[in-house]
Amino acid sequence: LELSTPSNECAKLFDGALRQIVSWSDCEVLGGFIKTLEDMKAADPKAGQFL
C-alpha cells in the first residue's frame, strides 16, 4: 500500500490505526483509535482531509 504523506510519523500512525480497526481493539500504547487519528492529523495536516 503506497502512502502519499511526506511524514514518516503519520505513516506509522496510519499503520497503527489500521491495526486497531482490523483487531477491533484500542492500542493503549498509541492512546486508542481516536488519539491515533488526532496524532496523524498533527503529524501531517493533509491526513485529516481523508478521515
PDB file of N, CA and C in Angstrom:
ATOM      1  N   LEU A   1       0.848  -1.176   0.000  1.00  0.00           N
ATOM      2  CA  LEU A   1       0.000   0.000   0.000  1.00  0.00           C
ATOM      3  C   LEU A   1       0.888   1.232   0.000  1.00  0.00           C
ATOM      4  N   GLU A   2       0.759   2.046  -1.010  1.00  0.00           N
ATOM      5  CA  GLU A   2       1.545   3.268  -1.109  1.00  0.00           C
ATOM      6  C   GLU A   2       0.838   4.387  -0.358  1.00  0.00           C
ATOM      7  N   LEU A   3       1.583   5.099   0.474  1.00  0.00           N
ATOM      8  CA  LEU A   3       1.038   6.238   1.200  1.00  0.00           C
ATOM      9  C   LEU A   3       1.580   7.516   0.589  1.00  0.00           C
ATOM     10  N   SER A   4       0.755   8.539   0.541  1.00  0.00           N
ATOM     11  CA  SER A   4       1.178   9.793  -0.074  1.00  0.00           C
ATOM     12  C   SER A   4       1.430  10.879   0.963  1.00  0.00           C
ATOM     13  N   THR A   5       2.114  10.537   2.024  1.00  0.00           N
ATOM     14  CA  THR A   5       2.460  11.517   3.042  1.00  0.00           C
ATOM     15  C   THR A   5       3.977  11.631   3.137  1.00  0.00           C
ATOM     16  N   PRO A   6       4.470  12.841   3.296  1.00  0.00           N
ATOM     17  CA  PRO A   6       5.910  13.004   3.482  1.00  0.00           C
ATOM     18  C   PRO A   6       6.338  12.711   4.928  1.00  0.00           C
ATOM     19  N   SER A   7       5.359  12.500   5.804  1.00  0.00           N
ATOM     20  CA  SER A   7       5.632  12.305   7.226  1.00  0.00           C
ATOM     21  C   SER A   7       5.744  10.823   7.581  1.00  0.00           C
ATOM     22  N   ASN A   8       6.925  10.428   7.996  1.00  0.00           N
ATOM     23  CA  ASN A   8       7.142   9.053   8.434  1.00  0.00           C
ATOM     24  C   ASN A   8       6.278   8.745   9.657  1.00  0.00           C
ATOM     25  N   GLU A   9       6.144   9.715  10.549  1.00  0.00           N
ATOM     26  CA  GLU A   9       5.333   9.536  11.758  1.00  0.00           C
ATOM     27  C   GLU A   9       3.865   9.297  11.396  1.00  0.00           C
ATOM     28  N   CYS A  10       3.358  10.053  10.444  1.00  0.00           N
ATOM     29  CA  CYS A  10       1.971   9.875  10.010  1.00  0.00           C
ATOM     30  C   CYS A  10       1.768   8.484   9.420  1.00  0.00           C
ATOM     31  N   ALA A  11       2.718   8.016   8.642  1.00  0.00           N
ATOM     32  CA  ALA A  11       2.615   6.678   8.044  1.00  0.00           C
ATOM     33  C   ALA A  11       2.592   5.599   9.124  1.00  0.00           C
ATOM     34  N   LYS A  12       3.430   5.755  10.146  1.00  0.00           N
ATOM     35  CA  LYS A  12       3.447   4.787  11.248  1.00  0.00           C
ATOM     36  C   LYS A  12       2.119   4.805  12.000  1.00  0.00           C
ATOM     37  N   LEU A  13       1.585   6.001  12.225  1.00  0.00           N
ATOM     38  CA  LEU A  13       0.311   6.116  12.932  1.00  0.00           C
ATOM     39  C   LEU A  13      -0.837   5.544  12.107  1.00  0.00           C
ATOM     40  N   PHE A  14      -0.782   5.721  10.788  1.00  0.00           N
ATOM     41  CA  PHE A  14      -1.795   5.114   9.916  1.00  0.00           C
ATOM     42  C   PHE A  14      -1.769   3.598  10.065  1.00  0.00           C
ATOM     43  N   ASP A  15      -0.577   3.042  10.089  1.00  0.00           N
ATOM     44  CA  ASP A  15      -0.438   1.599  10.282  1.00  0.00           C
ATOM     45  C   ASP A  15      -1.057   1.181  11.615  1.00  0.00           C
ATOM     46  N   GLY A  16      -0.793   1.963  12.655  1.00  0.00           N
ATOM     47  CA  GLY A  16      -1.363   1.667  13.967  1.00  0.00           C
ATOM     48  C   GLY A  16      -2.880   1.783  13.979  1.00  0.00           C
ATOM     49  N   ALA A  17      -3.414   2.790  13.290  1.00  0.00           N
ATOM     50  CA  ALA A  17      -4.869   2.966  13.219  1.00  0.00           C
ATOM     51  C   ALA A  17      -5.513   1.806  12.473  1.00  0.00           C
ATOM     52  N   LEU A  18      -4.908   1.415  11.378  1.00  0.00           N
ATOM     53  CA  LEU A  18      -5.433   0.292  10.598  1.00  0.00           C
ATOM     54  C   LEU A  18      -5.418  -0.999  11.414  1.00  0.00           C
ATOM     55  N   ARG A  19      -4.343  -1.212  12.154  1.00  0.00           N
ATOM     56  CA  ARG A  19      -4.234  -2.404  13.008  1.00  0.00           C
ATOM     57  C   ARG A  19      -5.337  -2.408  14.065  1.00  0.00           C
ATOM     58  N   GLN A  20      -5.638  -1.236  14.625  1.00  0.00           N
ATOM     59  CA  GLN A  20      -6.683  -1.148  15.640  1.00  0.00           C
ATOM     60  C   GLN A  20      -8.063  -1.444  15.042  1.00  0.00           C
ATOM     61  N   ILE A  21      -8.308  -0.982  13.826  1.00  0.00           N
ATOM     62  CA  ILE A  21      -9.595  -1.253  13.169  1.00  0.00           C
ATOM     63  C   ILE A  21      -9.746  -2.745  12.900  1.00  0.00           C
ATOM     64  N   VAL A  22      -8.712  -3.349  12.353  1.00  0.00           N
ATOM     65  CA  VAL A  22      -8.771  -4.770  11.993  1.00  0.00           C
ATOM     66  C   VAL A  22      -8.936  -5.650  13.227  1.00  0.00           C
ATOM     67  N   SER A  23      -8.277  -5.280  14.314  1.00  0.00           N
ATOM     68  CA  SER A  23      -8.326  -6.111  15.521  1.00  0.00           C
ATOM     69  C   SER A  23      -9.506  -5.755  16.436  1.00  0.00           C
ATOM     70  N   TRP A  24     -10.252  -4.715  16.102  1.00  0.00           N
ATOM     71  CA  TRP A  24     -11.363  -4.256  16.925  1.00  0.00           C
ATOM     72  C   TRP A  24     -10.939  -4.009  18.373  1.00  0.00           C
ATOM     73  N   SER A  25      -9.752  -3.415  18.543  1.00  0.00           N
ATOM     74  CA  SER A  25      -9.293  -3.093  19.897  1.00  0.00           C
ATOM     75  C   SER A  25      -8.452  -1.826  19.861  1.00  0.00           C
ATOM     76  N   ASP A  26      -8.539  -1.058  20.943  1.00  0.00           N
ATOM     77  CA  ASP A  26      -7.708   0.134  21.074  1.00  0.00           C
ATOM     78  C   ASP A  26      -6.316  -0.264  21.539  1.00  0.00           C
ATOM     79  N   CYS A  27      -5.321   0.375  20.972  1.00  0.00           N
ATOM     80  CA  CYS A  27      -3.940   0.149  21.389  1.00  0.00           C
ATOM     81  C   CYS A  27      -3.606   1.161  22.477  1.00  0.00           C
ATOM     82  N   GLU A  28      -3.345   0.678  23.676  1.00  0.00           N
ATOM     83  CA  GLU A  28      -3.040   1.564  24.793  1.00  0.00           C
ATOM     84  C   GLU A  28      -1.742   2.331  24.575  1.00  0.00           C
ATOM     85  N   VAL A  29      -0.795   1.735  23.881  1.00  0.00           N
ATOM     86  CA  VAL A  29       0.488   2.396  23.620  1.00  0.00           C
ATOM     87  C   VAL A  29       0.278   3.654  22.771  1.00  0.00           C
ATOM     88  N   LEU A  30      -0.634   3.570  21.801  1.00  0.00           N
ATOM     89  CA  LEU A  30      -0.917   4.706  20.926  1.00  0.00           C
ATOM     90  C   LEU A  30      -1.991   5.630  21.499  1.00  0.00           C
ATOM     91  N   GLY A  31      -2.608   5.242  22.595  1.00  0.00           N
ATOM     92  CA  GLY A  31      -3.624   6.073  23.222  1.00  0.00           C
ATOM     93  C   GLY A  31      -5.030   5.832  22.716  1.00  0.00           C
ATOM     94  N   GLY A  32      -5.216   4.767  21.960  1.00  0.00           N
ATOM     95  CA  GLY A  32      -6.537   4.445  21.423  1.00  0.00           C
ATOM     96  C   GLY A  32      -6.704   4.956  20.004  1.00  0.00           C
ATOM     97  N   PHE A  33      -7.780   4.521  19.372  1.00  0.00           N
ATOM     98  CA  PHE A  33      -8.009   4.818  17.958  1.00  0.00           C
ATOM     99  C   PHE A  33      -8.174   6.320  17.698  1.00  0.00           C
ATOM    100  N   ILE A  34      -9.012   6.978  18.484  1.00  0.00           N
ATOM    101  CA  ILE A  34      -9.270   8.407  18.275  1.00  0.00           C
ATOM    102  C   ILE A  34      -7.992   9.219  18.460  1.00  0.00           C
ATOM    103  N   LYS A  35      -7.232   8.924  19.482  1.00  0.00           N
ATOM    104  CA  LYS A  35      -5.961   9.633  19.718  1.00  0.00           C
ATOM    105  C   LYS A  35      -4.993   9.381  18.574  1.00  0.00           C
ATOM    106  N   THR A  36      -4.983   8.177  18.035  1.00  0.00           N
ATOM    107  CA  THR A  36      -4.117   7.857  16.905  1.00  0.00           C
ATOM    108  C   THR A  36      -4.472   8.728  15.707  1.00  0.00           C
ATOM    109  N   LEU A  37      -5.766   8.888  15.425  1.00  0.00           N
ATOM    110  CA  LEU A  37      -6.195   9.745  14.315  1.00  0.00           C
ATOM    111  C   LEU A  37      -5.810  11.200  14.555  1.00  0.00           C
ATOM    112  N   GLU A  38      -5.972  11.664  15.783  1.00  0.00           N
ATOM    113  CA  GLU A  38      -5.591  13.039  16.116  1.00  0.00           C
ATOM    114  C   GLU A  38      -4.095  13.250  15.923  1.00  0.00           C
ATOM    115  N   ASP A  39      -3.298  12.277  16.338  1.00  0.00           N
ATOM    116  CA  ASP A  39      -1.850  12.370  16.175  1.00  0.00           C
ATOM    117  C   ASP A  39      -1.448  12.323  14.703  1.00  0.00           C
ATOM    118  N   MET A  40      -2.191  11.559  13.902  1.00  0.00           N
ATOM    119  CA  MET A  40      -1.940  11.532  12.458  1.00  0.00           C
ATOM    120  C   MET A  40      -2.145  12.915  11.862  1.00  0.00           C
ATOM    121  N   LYS A  41      -3.241  13.573  12.237  1.00  0.00           N
ATOM    122  CA  LYS A  41      -3.532  14.914  11.726  1.00  0.00           C
ATOM    123  C   LYS A  41      -2.465  15.910  12.160  1.00  0.00           C
ATOM    124  N   ALA A  42      -1.954  15.746  13.372  1.00  0.00           N
ATOM    125  CA  ALA A  42      -0.901  16.636  13.857  1.00  0.00           C
ATOM    126  C   ALA A  42       0.403  16.412  13.096  1.00  0.00           C
ATOM    127  N   ALA A  43       0.697  15.170  12.761  1.00  0.00           N
ATOM    128  CA  ALA A  43       1.932  14.844  12.045  1.00  0.00           C
ATOM    129  C   ALA A  43       1.872  15.292  10.588  1.00  0.00           C
ATOM    130  N   ASP A  44       0.691  15.250   9.995  1.00  0.00           N
ATOM    131  CA  ASP A  44       0.503  15.680   8.606  1.00  0.00           C
ATOM    132  C   ASP A  44      -0.908  16.244   8.481  1.00  0.00           C
ATOM    133  N   PRO A  45      -1.059  17.574   8.520  1.00  0.00           N
ATOM    134  CA  PRO A  45      -2.388  18.180   8.462  1.00  0.00           C
ATOM    135  C   PRO A  45      -3.225  17.740   7.260  1.00  0.00           C
ATOM    136  N   LYS A  46      -2.598  17.378   6.161  1.00  0.00           N
ATOM    137  CA  LYS A  46      -3.351  16.919   4.995  1.00  0.00           C
ATOM    138  C   LYS A  46      -3.976  15.547   5.229  1.00  0.00           C
ATOM    139  N   ALA A  47      -3.490  14.803   6.204  1.00  0.00           N
ATOM    140  CA  ALA A  47      -4.055  13.486   6.503  1.00  0.00           C
ATOM    141  C   ALA A  47      -5.503  13.621   6.959  1.00  0.00           C
ATOM    142  N   GLY A  48      -5.833  14.723   7.597  1.00  0.00           N
ATOM    143  CA  GLY A  48      -7.181  14.945   8.090  1.00  0.00           C
ATOM    144  C   GLY A  48      -8.231  15.081   7.011  1.00  0.00           C
ATOM    145  N   GLN A  49      -7.827  15.448   5.806  1.00  0.00           N
ATOM    146  CA  GLN A  49      -8.819  15.634   4.748  1.00  0.00           C
ATOM    147  C   GLN A  49      -9.387  14.319   4.243  1.00  0.00           C
ATOM    148  N   PHE A  50      -8.747  13.217   4.574  1.00  0.00           N
ATOM    149  CA  PHE A  50      -9.223  11.907   4.133  1.00  0.00           C
ATOM    150  C   PHE A  50      -9.899  11.130   5.245  1.00  0.00           C
ATOM    151  N   LEU A  51      -9.929  11.676   6.451  1.00  0.00           N
ATOM    152  CA  LEU A  51     -10.509  10.964   7.592  1.00  0.00           C
ATOM    153  C   LEU A  51     -11.919  11.435   7.847  1.00  0.00           C
TER     154      LEU A  51
END
